[in-house]
Amino acid sequence: MIRRRDALKLLGGAAASWPKGAWAQQNQRVRRIGVLMQFREDVPEVAGWVGAFREELQKLGWIEGRNLRSDYRWGDNDSANLKRFAKEIVASKPELIVSSSSLTTTILKSETVTIPIIFTNVVDPVGQGLVSSLSRPGGNITGFVNLEPSVSGKYVELLKELVPRLQSIAIFFNPATTPYSDIYLKPFEAAARTLGVEAIATPVRDLAELDAVMASQALRPNAGLIAMPSGFASGNYKEIAALTLRHKLPMVTTVLAGAHHGALLAYGNDIIDNYRRAASYVDRILKGEKPAELPVQFPIKFRMAINLKTAKALGLDVPLFFQQRADEVIE
């Protein structure tokens, strides 16, 4: 039998050879976080965002099942579901909550003013009353911003470049999940006016209503379409792209994966990057920093993708210089 002194030596030597931080992790308590997602769990693009978030947490030393336990709730773009899940998450008293959108953050804000909340993709957090200021949020909420309002004007300009004879352009959004729609509508209307294009704002409650809107827009000569940056567009990007193909409408969307499914053009911030950066805020808050002192951050990576197959089907000739501006050209 090994004597007690020798056994202790063996254990000490083994511990010294463990990876840095492993010994500390053995003695760490399991930290609990909640995650409220506006979308369905089976949406591939959304799964990629969450996968990047989890991967970055691991790199920072937070291992699911070892020193971290995450409670994910998926709302399927349903406000009633999200309100119920928000109550359940808050009642479970996690150490912080990660929120996927403006809608989920607004709902969570009404449930707690004490549990830290990190949003991953929110529009105009000051204007929506989520934070006091970008540099010093001041309350229990901070995080990462989505596209600025001016992007809707840029979408009009991009579509006009691709469709020089463009006469009318409709922007669609779901009012129930897009409480900030006005901040995108003003730049959209201003850009359309400057370019001599008719601007049409089209609220829709679901895909069936959107189908009807597209059918009406398709009857107009030289018509186009914009998907307002929103959870509705992100959560239904495949179905929305399929509708644009059916109705033969050139569309610009913020969801990059939408271009792979038939949207003519996608331009937006790299949401995966937002989720990776959100993991760093989880790490900092779990280590003692306060959300009130962590500044709201803007996106730093943007991408553009164009679908040449869709362009050909629409009878559009995409100039070479436009293709060269794109990060991805789908043929």
C-alpha atoms as a PDB file:
ATOM      1  CA  MET A   1       0.000   0.000   0.000  1.00  0.00           C
ATOM      2  CA  ILE A   2       1.158   3.550  -0.694  1.00  0.00           C
ATOM      3  CA  ARG A   3       1.980   5.427   2.477  1.00  0.00           C
ATOM      4  CA  ARG A   4      -0.067   8.564   3.221  1.00  0.00           C
ATOM      5  CA  ARG A   5       2.934  10.899   2.750  1.00  0.00           C
ATOM      6  CA  ASP A   6       3.728   9.407  -0.686  1.00  0.00           C
ATOM      7  CA  ALA A   7       0.088   9.655  -1.744  1.00  0.00           C
ATOM      8  CA  LEU A   8       0.006  13.353  -0.875  1.00  0.00           C
ATOM      9  CA  LYS A   9       3.155  13.913  -2.916  1.00  0.00           C
ATOM     10  CA  LEU A  10       1.557  12.191  -5.914  1.00  0.00           C
ATOM     11  CA  LEU A  11      -1.586  14.310  -5.620  1.00  0.00           C
ATOM     12  CA  GLY A  12       0.473  17.489  -5.314  1.00  0.00           C
ATOM     13  CA  GLY A  13       2.477  16.640  -8.425  1.00  0.00           C
ATOM     14  CA  ALA A  14      -0.664  15.863 -10.402  1.00  0.00           C
ATOM     15  CA  ALA A  15      -2.305  19.145  -9.377  1.00  0.00           C
ATOM     16  CA  ALA A  16       0.788  21.091 -10.439  1.00  0.00           C
ATOM     17  CA  SER A  17       0.517  19.585 -13.932  1.00  0.00           C
ATOM     18  CA  TRP A  18      -3.143  20.524 -14.422  1.00  0.00           C
ATOM     19  CA  PRO A  19      -3.983  23.333 -16.901  1.00  0.00           C
ATOM     20  CA  LYS A  20      -3.846  26.849 -15.508  1.00  0.00           C
ATOM     21  CA  GLY A  21      -7.020  27.626 -13.607  1.00  0.00           C
ATOM     22  CA  ALA A  22      -8.205  24.002 -13.475  1.00  0.00           C
ATOM     23  CA  TRP A  23      -7.484  23.655  -9.740  1.00  0.00           C
ATOM     24  CA  ALA A  24      -9.441  26.843  -9.039  1.00  0.00           C
ATOM     25  CA  GLN A  25     -12.317  25.583 -11.170  1.00  0.00           C
ATOM     26  CA  GLN A  26     -12.599  22.465  -9.034  1.00  0.00           C
ATOM     27  CA  ASN A  27     -13.475  24.688  -6.079  1.00  0.00           C
ATOM     28  CA  GLN A  28     -15.656  27.211  -7.929  1.00  0.00           C
ATOM     29  CA  ARG A  29     -19.384  27.283  -7.285  1.00  0.00           C
ATOM     30  CA  VAL A  30     -21.608  26.868 -10.299  1.00  0.00           C
ATOM     31  CA  ARG A  31     -22.778  30.280 -11.548  1.00  0.00           C
ATOM     32  CA  ARG A  32     -26.280  30.575 -12.991  1.00  0.00           C
ATOM     33  CA  ILE A  33     -27.386  32.716 -15.923  1.00  0.00           C
ATOM     34  CA  GLY A  34     -30.639  33.021 -17.838  1.00  0.00           C
ATOM     35  CA  VAL A  35     -30.914  33.555 -21.604  1.00  0.00           C
ATOM     36  CA  LEU A  36     -34.115  34.857 -23.201  1.00  0.00           C
ATOM     37  CA  MET A  37     -34.194  34.388 -26.978  1.00  0.00           C
ATOM     38  CA  GLN A  38     -36.930  35.938 -29.100  1.00  0.00           C
ATOM     39  CA  PHE A  39     -36.608  33.248 -31.764  1.00  0.00           C
ATOM     40  CA  ARG A  40     -37.153  29.533 -32.372  1.00  0.00           C
ATOM     41  CA  GLU A  41     -34.342  27.249 -31.293  1.00  0.00           C
ATOM     42  CA  ASP A  42     -34.261  25.465 -34.670  1.00  0.00           C
ATOM     43  CA  VAL A  43     -33.436  28.561 -36.791  1.00  0.00           C
ATOM     44  CA  PRO A  44     -29.921  27.810 -38.147  1.00  0.00           C
ATOM     45  CA  GLU A  45     -28.754  31.434 -38.180  1.00  0.00           C
ATOM     46  CA  VAL A  46     -29.831  31.913 -34.555  1.00  0.00           C
ATOM     47  CA  ALA A  47     -28.190  28.632 -33.562  1.00  0.00           C
ATOM     48  CA  GLY A  48     -24.954  30.030 -34.993  1.00  0.00           C
ATOM     49  CA  TRP A  49     -25.211  33.127 -32.802  1.00  0.00           C
ATOM     50  CA  VAL A  50     -25.771  31.073 -29.659  1.00  0.00           C
ATOM     51  CA  GLY A  51     -23.003  28.651 -30.622  1.00  0.00           C
ATOM     52  CA  ALA A  52     -20.526  31.526 -30.912  1.00  0.00           C
ATOM     53  CA  PHE A  53     -21.657  32.869 -27.525  1.00  0.00           C
ATOM     54  CA  ARG A  54     -21.143  29.495 -25.835  1.00  0.00           C
ATOM     55  CA  GLU A  55     -17.785  28.996 -27.530  1.00  0.00           C
ATOM     56  CA  GLU A  56     -16.537  32.387 -26.341  1.00  0.00           C
ATOM     57  CA  LEU A  57     -17.705  31.661 -22.793  1.00  0.00           C
ATOM     58  CA  GLN A  58     -15.646  28.465 -22.854  1.00  0.00           C
ATOM     59  CA  LYS A  59     -12.583  30.388 -24.001  1.00  0.00           C
ATOM     60  CA  LEU A  60     -13.081  32.674 -20.999  1.00  0.00           C
ATOM     61  CA  GLY A  61     -13.141  29.669 -18.673  1.00  0.00           C
ATOM     62  CA  TRP A  62     -16.902  29.267 -18.214  1.00  0.00           C
ATOM     63  CA  ILE A  63     -17.691  25.602 -18.834  1.00  0.00           C
ATOM     64  CA  GLU A  64     -21.309  24.501 -18.998  1.00  0.00           C
ATOM     65  CA  GLY A  65     -21.996  21.901 -16.316  1.00  0.00           C
ATOM     66  CA  ARG A  66     -18.752  22.606 -14.483  1.00  0.00           C
ATOM     67  CA  ASN A  67     -18.817  26.187 -13.277  1.00  0.00           C
ATOM     68  CA  LEU A  68     -21.752  27.536 -15.325  1.00  0.00           C
ATOM     69  CA  ARG A  69     -25.400  26.610 -15.717  1.00  0.00           C
ATOM     70  CA  SER A  70     -27.435  28.392 -18.413  1.00  0.00           C
ATOM     71  CA  ASP A  71     -31.223  28.407 -18.622  1.00  0.00           C
ATOM     72  CA  TYR A  72     -32.290  29.093 -22.229  1.00  0.00           C
ATOM     73  CA  ARG A  73     -35.850  30.049 -23.137  1.00  0.00           C
ATOM     74  CA  TRP A  74     -37.031  30.353 -26.757  1.00  0.00           C
ATOM     75  CA  GLY A  75     -39.980  32.648 -27.472  1.00  0.00           C
ATOM     76  CA  ASP A  76     -40.755  31.815 -31.132  1.00  0.00           C
ATOM     77  CA  ASN A  77     -41.453  35.525 -31.828  1.00  0.00           C
ATOM     78  CA  ASP A  78     -44.509  35.330 -29.561  1.00  0.00           C
ATOM     79  CA  SER A  79     -44.912  38.194 -27.070  1.00  0.00           C
ATOM     80  CA  ALA A  80     -47.060  36.113 -24.704  1.00  0.00           C
ATOM     81  CA  ASN A  81     -44.422  33.373 -24.583  1.00  0.00           C
ATOM     82  CA  LEU A  82     -41.670  35.915 -23.980  1.00  0.00           C
ATOM     83  CA  LYS A  83     -43.531  37.582 -21.106  1.00  0.00           C
ATOM     84  CA  ARG A  84     -44.147  34.205 -19.450  1.00  0.00           C
ATOM     85  CA  PHE A  85     -40.537  33.098 -19.912  1.00  0.00           C
ATOM     86  CA  ALA A  86     -39.216  36.433 -18.609  1.00  0.00           C
ATOM     87  CA  LYS A  87     -41.219  35.979 -15.398  1.00  0.00           C
ATOM     88  CA  GLU A  88     -39.932  32.417 -15.020  1.00  0.00           C
ATOM     89  CA  ILE A  89     -36.305  33.418 -15.558  1.00  0.00           C
ATOM     90  CA  VAL A  90     -36.480  36.315 -13.104  1.00  0.00           C
ATOM     91  CA  ALA A  91     -38.253  34.128 -10.509  1.00  0.00           C
ATOM     92  CA  SER A  92     -35.378  31.629 -10.714  1.00  0.00           C
ATOM     93  CA  LYS A  93     -32.993  34.427  -9.579  1.00  0.00           C
ATOM     94  CA  PRO A  94     -30.024  33.954 -11.941  1.00  0.00           C
ATOM     95  CA  GLU A  95     -26.917  36.074 -11.474  1.00  0.00           C
ATOM     96  CA  LEU A  96     -27.507  37.757 -14.836  1.00  0.00           C
ATOM     97  CA  ILE A  97     -29.737  37.490 -17.891  1.00  0.00           C
ATOM     98  CA  VAL A  98     -28.700  37.617 -21.556  1.00  0.00           C
ATOM     99  CA  SER A  99     -31.370  39.145 -23.819  1.00  0.00           C
ATOM    100  CA  SER A 100     -31.525  38.710 -27.600  1.00  0.00           C
ATOM    101  CA  SER A 101     -33.435  41.766 -28.818  1.00  0.00           C
ATOM    102  CA  SER A 102     -35.177  45.057 -28.136  1.00  0.00           C
ATOM    103  CA  LEU A 103     -38.439  43.234 -27.402  1.00  0.00           C
ATOM    104  CA  THR A 104     -36.952  40.732 -24.949  1.00  0.00           C
ATOM    105  CA  THR A 105     -34.993  43.481 -23.193  1.00  0.00           C
ATOM    106  CA  THR A 106     -38.066  45.693 -22.839  1.00  0.00           C
ATOM    107  CA  ILE A 107     -40.008  42.781 -21.346  1.00  0.00           C
ATOM    108  CA  LEU A 108     -37.204  41.864 -18.952  1.00  0.00           C
ATOM    109  CA  LYS A 109     -36.834  45.499 -17.870  1.00  0.00           C
ATOM    110  CA  SER A 110     -40.441  45.430 -16.676  1.00  0.00           C
ATOM    111  CA  GLU A 111     -39.688  42.341 -14.562  1.00  0.00           C
ATOM    112  CA  THR A 112     -36.479  43.314 -12.757  1.00  0.00           C
ATOM    113  CA  VAL A 113     -34.422  46.375 -11.909  1.00  0.00           C
ATOM    114  CA  THR A 114     -31.809  44.443  -9.933  1.00  0.00           C
ATOM    115  CA  ILE A 115     -30.670  41.401 -11.948  1.00  0.00           C
ATOM    116  CA  PRO A 116     -28.035  42.464 -14.525  1.00  0.00           C
ATOM    117  CA  ILE A 117     -29.262  42.226 -18.133  1.00  0.00           C
ATOM    118  CA  ILE A 118     -26.939  42.080 -21.159  1.00  0.00           C
ATOM    119  CA  PHE A 119     -28.597  42.668 -24.530  1.00  0.00           C
ATOM    120  CA  THR A 120     -26.921  41.292 -27.645  1.00  0.00           C
ATOM    121  CA  ASN A 121     -28.654  43.103 -30.498  1.00  0.00           C
ATOM    122  CA  VAL A 122     -30.772  46.125 -29.566  1.00  0.00           C
ATOM    123  CA  VAL A 123     -31.816  49.196 -31.547  1.00  0.00           C
ATOM    124  CA  ASP A 124     -31.531  52.678 -30.004  1.00  0.00           C
ATOM    125  CA  PRO A 125     -31.331  51.637 -26.318  1.00  0.00           C
ATOM    126  CA  VAL A 126     -31.369  55.262 -25.111  1.00  0.00           C
ATOM    127  CA  GLY A 127     -34.408  56.197 -27.197  1.00  0.00           C
ATOM    128  CA  GLN A 128     -36.242  53.099 -25.977  1.00  0.00           C
ATOM    129  CA  GLY A 129     -35.489  53.992 -22.364  1.00  0.00           C
ATOM    130  CA  LEU A 130     -33.407  50.895 -21.707  1.00  0.00           C
ATOM    131  CA  VAL A 131     -30.298  52.816 -20.582  1.00  0.00           C
ATOM    132  CA  SER A 132     -29.643  56.373 -19.380  1.00  0.00           C
ATOM    133  CA  SER A 133     -26.681  56.892 -21.719  1.00  0.00           C
ATOM    134  CA  LEU A 134     -24.403  54.840 -23.925  1.00  0.00           C
ATOM    135  CA  SER A 135     -21.236  55.574 -21.973  1.00  0.00           C
ATOM    136  CA  ARG A 136     -22.770  55.038 -18.524  1.00  0.00           C
ATOM    137  CA  PRO A 137     -25.967  52.965 -18.756  1.00  0.00           C
ATOM    138  CA  GLY A 138     -26.724  53.726 -15.126  1.00  0.00           C
ATOM    139  CA  GLY A 139     -29.036  50.839 -14.248  1.00  0.00           C
ATOM    140  CA  ASN A 140     -29.021  47.061 -14.460  1.00  0.00           C
ATOM    141  CA  ILE A 141     -28.917  46.926 -18.279  1.00  0.00           C
ATOM    142  CA  THR A 142     -26.112  47.209 -20.855  1.00  0.00           C
ATOM    143  CA  GLY A 143     -24.991  45.441 -24.004  1.00  0.00           C
ATOM    144  CA  PHE A 144     -24.486  45.615 -27.744  1.00  0.00           C
ATOM    145  CA  VAL A 145     -26.287  47.660 -30.387  1.00  0.00           C
ATOM    146  CA  ASN A 146     -27.682  46.554 -33.734  1.00  0.00           C
ATOM    147  CA  LEU A 147     -27.703  48.722 -36.863  1.00  0.00           C
ATOM    148  CA  GLU A 148     -28.190  52.467 -36.532  1.00  0.00           C
ATOM    149  CA  PRO A 149     -31.393  54.054 -37.921  1.00  0.00           C
ATOM    150  CA  SER A 150     -29.593  55.510 -40.954  1.00  0.00           C
ATOM    151  CA  VAL A 151     -29.139  52.016 -42.389  1.00  0.00           C
ATOM    152  CA  SER A 152     -32.702  52.012 -43.741  1.00  0.00           C
ATOM    153  CA  GLY A 153     -31.765  54.967 -45.930  1.00  0.00           C
ATOM    154  CA  LYS A 154     -28.669  53.100 -47.098  1.00  0.00           C
ATOM    155  CA  TYR A 155     -30.882  50.144 -48.068  1.00  0.00           C
ATOM    156  CA  VAL A 156     -32.885  52.440 -50.365  1.00  0.00           C
ATOM    157  CA  GLU A 157     -29.666  53.673 -51.978  1.00  0.00           C
ATOM    158  CA  LEU A 158     -28.315  50.148 -52.473  1.00  0.00           C
ATOM    159  CA  LEU A 159     -31.538  48.918 -54.049  1.00  0.00           C
ATOM    160  CA  LYS A 160     -31.645  51.943 -56.350  1.00  0.00           C
ATOM    161  CA  GLU A 161     -28.115  51.092 -57.492  1.00  0.00           C
ATOM    162  CA  LEU A 162     -29.174  47.560 -58.336  1.00  0.00           C
ATOM    163  CA  VAL A 163     -32.543  48.540 -59.826  1.00  0.00           C
ATOM    164  CA  PRO A 164     -31.951  51.931 -61.517  1.00  0.00           C
ATOM    165  CA  ARG A 165     -35.580  52.110 -62.697  1.00  0.00           C
ATOM    166  CA  LEU A 166     -36.911  51.576 -59.182  1.00  0.00           C
ATOM    167  CA  GLN A 167     -40.202  53.452 -58.727  1.00  0.00           C
ATOM    168  CA  SER A 168     -41.576  52.244 -55.394  1.00  0.00           C
ATOM    169  CA  ILE A 169     -40.118  50.566 -52.345  1.00  0.00           C
ATOM    170  CA  ALA A 170     -41.947  49.026 -49.390  1.00  0.00           C
ATOM    171  CA  ILE A 171     -40.434  48.444 -45.960  1.00  0.00           C
ATOM    172  CA  PHE A 172     -42.158  45.830 -43.804  1.00  0.00           C
ATOM    173  CA  PHE A 173     -42.084  45.212 -40.053  1.00  0.00           C
ATOM    174  CA  ASN A 174     -44.124  43.532 -37.334  1.00  0.00           C
ATOM    175  CA  PRO A 175     -45.369  46.248 -34.911  1.00  0.00           C
ATOM    176  CA  ALA A 176     -45.719  43.714 -32.076  1.00  0.00           C
ATOM    177  CA  THR A 177     -42.023  42.852 -32.151  1.00  0.00           C
ATOM    178  CA  THR A 178     -40.637  46.128 -33.528  1.00  0.00           C
ATOM    179  CA  PRO A 179     -41.508  48.882 -31.023  1.00  0.00           C
ATOM    180  CA  TYR A 180     -38.764  51.087 -32.494  1.00  0.00           C
ATOM    181  CA  SER A 181     -40.053  51.111 -36.096  1.00  0.00           C
ATOM    182  CA  ASP A 182     -40.276  54.934 -36.287  1.00  0.00           C
ATOM    183  CA  ILE A 183     -36.508  55.396 -36.036  1.00  0.00           C
ATOM    184  CA  TYR A 184     -36.030  53.338 -39.218  1.00  0.00           C
ATOM    185  CA  LEU A 185     -39.009  54.799 -41.082  1.00  0.00           C
ATOM    186  CA  LYS A 186     -37.778  58.412 -41.070  1.00  0.00           C
ATOM    187  CA  PRO A 187     -34.395  57.762 -42.820  1.00  0.00           C
ATOM    188  CA  PHE A 188     -36.142  55.333 -45.186  1.00  0.00           C
ATOM    189  CA  GLU A 189     -38.681  57.964 -46.250  1.00  0.00           C
ATOM    190  CA  ALA A 190     -36.042  60.702 -46.537  1.00  0.00           C
ATOM    191  CA  ALA A 191     -33.793  58.604 -48.800  1.00  0.00           C
ATOM    192  CA  ALA A 192     -36.715  57.532 -50.993  1.00  0.00           C
ATOM    193  CA  ARG A 193     -37.804  61.163 -51.369  1.00  0.00           C
ATOM    194  CA  THR A 194     -34.275  62.226 -52.374  1.00  0.00           C
ATOM    195  CA  LEU A 195     -34.079  59.481 -55.003  1.00  0.00           C
ATOM    196  CA  GLY A 196     -37.574  60.085 -56.360  1.00  0.00           C
ATOM    197  CA  VAL A 197     -38.920  56.728 -55.217  1.00  0.00           C
ATOM    198  CA  GLU A 198     -42.325  56.170 -53.621  1.00  0.00           C
ATOM    199  CA  ALA A 199     -41.917  55.011 -50.000  1.00  0.00           C
ATOM    200  CA  ILE A 200     -44.457  52.585 -48.536  1.00  0.00           C
ATOM    201  CA  ALA A 201     -44.487  51.542 -44.859  1.00  0.00           C
ATOM    202  CA  THR A 202     -46.183  48.174 -44.431  1.00  0.00           C
ATOM    203  CA  PRO A 203     -46.836  46.770 -40.950  1.00  0.00           C
ATOM    204  CA  VAL A 204     -47.534  43.027 -40.961  1.00  0.00           C
ATOM    205  CA  ARG A 205     -48.449  40.686 -38.121  1.00  0.00           C
ATOM    206  CA  ASP A 206     -47.294  37.421 -39.671  1.00  0.00           C
ATOM    207  CA  LEU A 207     -46.021  35.724 -42.815  1.00  0.00           C
ATOM    208  CA  ALA A 208     -49.513  35.431 -44.281  1.00  0.00           C
ATOM    209  CA  GLU A 209     -49.957  39.202 -44.173  1.00  0.00           C
ATOM    210  CA  LEU A 210     -46.473  39.661 -45.591  1.00  0.00           C
ATOM    211  CA  ASP A 211     -47.381  37.353 -48.484  1.00  0.00           C
ATOM    212  CA  ALA A 212     -50.342  39.605 -49.287  1.00  0.00           C
ATOM    213  CA  VAL A 213     -48.175  42.734 -49.072  1.00  0.00           C
ATOM    214  CA  MET A 214     -45.639  41.226 -51.461  1.00  0.00           C
ATOM    215  CA  ALA A 215     -48.370  40.198 -53.893  1.00  0.00           C
ATOM    216  CA  SER A 216     -49.630  43.792 -53.963  1.00  0.00           C
ATOM    217  CA  GLN A 217     -46.130  45.225 -54.324  1.00  0.00           C
ATOM    218  CA  ALA A 218     -45.350  42.809 -57.166  1.00  0.00           C
ATOM    219  CA  LEU A 219     -48.195  44.352 -59.194  1.00  0.00           C
ATOM    220  CA  ARG A 220     -46.419  47.710 -59.168  1.00  0.00           C
ATOM    221  CA  PRO A 221     -43.886  48.389 -61.941  1.00  0.00           C
ATOM    222  CA  ASN A 222     -40.230  48.440 -60.865  1.00  0.00           C
ATOM    223  CA  ALA A 223     -41.030  47.761 -57.208  1.00  0.00           C
ATOM    224  CA  GLY A 224     -38.660  46.766 -54.417  1.00  0.00           C
ATOM    225  CA  LEU A 225     -38.723  45.655 -50.816  1.00  0.00           C
ATOM    226  CA  ILE A 226     -36.812  46.197 -47.565  1.00  0.00           C
ATOM    227  CA  ALA A 227     -36.944  43.998 -44.480  1.00  0.00           C
ATOM    228  CA  MET A 228     -36.690  46.319 -41.471  1.00  0.00           C
ATOM    229  CA  PRO A 229     -33.987  45.096 -39.050  1.00  0.00           C
ATOM    230  CA  SER A 230     -36.041  43.191 -36.483  1.00  0.00           C
ATOM    231  CA  GLY A 231     -36.639  39.908 -34.740  1.00  0.00           C
ATOM    232  CA  PHE A 232     -39.411  39.168 -37.233  1.00  0.00           C
ATOM    233  CA  ALA A 233     -36.969  39.389 -40.151  1.00  0.00           C
ATOM    234  CA  SER A 234     -34.241  37.455 -38.306  1.00  0.00           C
ATOM    235  CA  GLY A 235     -36.510  34.686 -37.088  1.00  0.00           C
ATOM    236  CA  ASN A 236     -38.199  34.105 -40.467  1.00  0.00           C
ATOM    237  CA  TYR A 237     -35.417  34.860 -42.938  1.00  0.00           C
ATOM    238  CA  LYS A 238     -35.790  31.628 -44.934  1.00  0.00           C
ATOM    239  CA  GLU A 239     -39.547  31.981 -45.344  1.00  0.00           C
ATOM    240  CA  ILE A 240     -39.259  35.680 -46.219  1.00  0.00           C
ATOM    241  CA  ALA A 241     -36.585  35.001 -48.846  1.00  0.00           C
ATOM    242  CA  ALA A 242     -38.760  32.274 -50.374  1.00  0.00           C
ATOM    243  CA  LEU A 243     -41.665  34.719 -50.641  1.00  0.00           C
ATOM    244  CA  THR A 244     -39.526  37.283 -52.465  1.00  0.00           C
ATOM    245  CA  LEU A 245     -38.538  34.622 -54.987  1.00  0.00           C
ATOM    246  CA  ARG A 246     -42.155  33.607 -55.505  1.00  0.00           C
ATOM    247  CA  HIS A 247     -43.246  37.203 -56.070  1.00  0.00           C
ATOM    248  CA  LYS A 248     -40.088  38.125 -58.008  1.00  0.00           C
ATOM    249  CA  LEU A 249     -39.257  41.123 -55.842  1.00  0.00           C
ATOM    250  CA  PRO A 250     -35.749  42.498 -55.251  1.00  0.00           C
ATOM    251  CA  MET A 251     -35.262  42.710 -51.487  1.00  0.00           C
ATOM    252  CA  VAL A 252     -32.605  44.034 -49.131  1.00  0.00           C
ATOM    253  CA  THR A 253     -32.416  42.400 -45.711  1.00  0.00           C
ATOM    254  CA  THR A 254     -30.200  42.716 -42.657  1.00  0.00           C
ATOM    255  CA  VAL A 255     -29.929  38.918 -42.278  1.00  0.00           C
ATOM    256  CA  LEU A 256     -26.857  37.676 -44.142  1.00  0.00           C
ATOM    257  CA  ALA A 257     -28.188  34.128 -44.394  1.00  0.00           C
ATOM    258  CA  GLY A 258     -31.237  35.531 -46.184  1.00  0.00           C
ATOM    259  CA  ALA A 259     -29.126  36.052 -49.314  1.00  0.00           C
ATOM    260  CA  HIS A 260     -28.317  32.331 -49.346  1.00  0.00           C
ATOM    261  CA  HIS A 261     -32.023  31.552 -49.480  1.00  0.00           C
ATOM    262  CA  GLY A 262     -32.942  33.936 -52.287  1.00  0.00           C
ATOM    263  CA  ALA A 263     -32.907  37.520 -51.045  1.00  0.00           C
ATOM    264  CA  LEU A 264     -31.180  39.743 -53.600  1.00  0.00           C
ATOM    265  CA  LEU A 265     -28.993  41.598 -51.115  1.00  0.00           C
ATOM    266  CA  ALA A 266     -28.093  41.336 -47.439  1.00  0.00           C
ATOM    267  CA  TYR A 267     -26.233  44.010 -45.543  1.00  0.00           C
ATOM    268  CA  GLY A 268     -25.802  44.292 -41.811  1.00  0.00           C
ATOM    269  CA  ASN A 269     -23.637  44.005 -38.770  1.00  0.00           C
ATOM    270  CA  ASP A 270     -22.095  40.643 -37.954  1.00  0.00           C
ATOM    271  CA  ILE A 271     -24.475  39.473 -35.220  1.00  0.00           C
ATOM    272  CA  ILE A 272     -22.239  36.525 -34.363  1.00  0.00           C
ATOM    273  CA  ASP A 273     -19.597  39.061 -33.360  1.00  0.00           C
ATOM    274  CA  ASN A 274     -22.096  40.792 -31.066  1.00  0.00           C
ATOM    275  CA  TYR A 275     -22.780  37.482 -29.306  1.00  0.00           C
ATOM    276  CA  ARG A 276     -19.073  36.772 -28.900  1.00  0.00           C
ATOM    277  CA  ARG A 277     -18.552  40.192 -27.365  1.00  0.00           C
ATOM    278  CA  ALA A 278     -21.586  39.709 -25.120  1.00  0.00           C
ATOM    279  CA  ALA A 279     -19.784  36.710 -23.592  1.00  0.00           C
ATOM    280  CA  SER A 280     -17.041  39.078 -22.423  1.00  0.00           C
ATOM    281  CA  TYR A 281     -19.644  41.145 -20.529  1.00  0.00           C
ATOM    282  CA  VAL A 282     -21.004  37.962 -18.920  1.00  0.00           C
ATOM    283  CA  ASP A 283     -17.461  37.188 -17.783  1.00  0.00           C
ATOM    284  CA  ARG A 284     -16.898  40.685 -16.397  1.00  0.00           C
ATOM    285  CA  ILE A 285     -20.207  40.834 -14.527  1.00  0.00           C
ATOM    286  CA  LEU A 286     -19.759  37.364 -13.022  1.00  0.00           C
ATOM    287  CA  LYS A 287     -16.363  38.573 -11.814  1.00  0.00           C
ATOM    288  CA  GLY A 288     -17.902  41.558 -10.041  1.00  0.00           C
ATOM    289  CA  GLU A 289     -18.277  44.464 -12.484  1.00  0.00           C
ATOM    290  CA  LYS A 290     -21.566  46.378 -12.625  1.00  0.00           C
ATOM    291  CA  PRO A 291     -23.685  46.758 -15.787  1.00  0.00           C
ATOM    292  CA  ALA A 292     -24.239  50.427 -14.888  1.00  0.00           C
ATOM    293  CA  GLU A 293     -20.528  51.030 -15.523  1.00  0.00           C
ATOM    294  CA  LEU A 294     -20.090  48.913 -18.672  1.00  0.00           C
ATOM    295  CA  PRO A 295     -20.684  51.094 -21.759  1.00  0.00           C
ATOM    296  CA  VAL A 296     -23.107  50.109 -24.484  1.00  0.00           C
ATOM    297  CA  GLN A 297     -21.059  49.104 -27.523  1.00  0.00           C
ATOM    298  CA  PHE A 298     -21.696  49.536 -31.232  1.00  0.00           C
ATOM    299  CA  PRO A 299     -21.116  46.885 -33.905  1.00  0.00           C
ATOM    300  CA  ILE A 300     -17.601  46.802 -35.332  1.00  0.00           C
ATOM    301  CA  LYS A 301     -18.018  44.225 -38.107  1.00  0.00           C
ATOM    302  CA  PHE A 302     -20.320  44.592 -41.117  1.00  0.00           C
ATOM    303  CA  ARG A 303     -20.899  42.268 -44.054  1.00  0.00           C
ATOM    304  CA  MET A 304     -22.634  42.407 -47.424  1.00  0.00           C
ATOM    305  CA  ALA A 305     -23.777  39.456 -49.543  1.00  0.00           C
ATOM    306  CA  ILE A 306     -25.385  39.509 -52.981  1.00  0.00           C
ATOM    307  CA  ASN A 307     -27.174  36.655 -54.746  1.00  0.00           C
ATOM    308  CA  LEU A 308     -26.356  36.709 -58.467  1.00  0.00           C
ATOM    309  CA  LYS A 309     -28.711  33.815 -59.170  1.00  0.00           C
ATOM    310  CA  THR A 310     -31.604  35.891 -57.819  1.00  0.00           C
ATOM    311  CA  ALA A 311     -30.395  38.929 -59.760  1.00  0.00           C
ATOM    312  CA  LYS A 312     -30.445  36.908 -62.973  1.00  0.00           C
ATOM    313  CA  ALA A 313     -33.949  35.614 -62.234  1.00  0.00           C
ATOM    314  CA  LEU A 314     -35.088  39.217 -61.761  1.00  0.00           C
ATOM    315  CA  GLY A 315     -33.424  40.333 -64.989  1.00  0.00           C
ATOM    316  CA  LEU A 316     -30.881  42.495 -63.170  1.00  0.00           C
ATOM    317  CA  ASP A 317     -27.291  43.022 -64.241  1.00  0.00           C
ATOM    318  CA  VAL A 318     -25.132  43.537 -61.143  1.00  0.00           C
ATOM    319  CA  PRO A 319     -22.142  45.750 -62.025  1.00  0.00           C
ATOM    320  CA  LEU A 320     -18.714  44.291 -61.354  1.00  0.00           C
ATOM    321  CA  PHE A 321     -17.804  47.161 -59.011  1.00  0.00           C
ATOM    322  CA  PHE A 322     -20.874  46.323 -56.896  1.00  0.00           C
ATOM    323  CA  GLN A 323     -19.843  42.667 -56.709  1.00  0.00           C
ATOM    324  CA  GLN A 324     -16.373  43.714 -55.622  1.00  0.00           C
ATOM    325  CA  ARG A 325     -17.845  45.660 -52.699  1.00  0.00           C
ATOM    326  CA  ALA A 326     -19.572  42.549 -51.385  1.00  0.00           C
ATOM    327  CA  ASP A 327     -18.002  40.247 -48.817  1.00  0.00           C
ATOM    328  CA  GLU A 328     -19.821  37.321 -50.395  1.00  0.00           C
ATOM    329  CA  VAL A 329     -21.113  36.770 -53.918  1.00  0.00           C
ATOM    330  CA  ILE A 330     -23.555  33.866 -54.218  1.00  0.00           C
ATOM    331  CA  GLU A 331     -23.632  32.298 -57.667  1.00  0.00           C
END
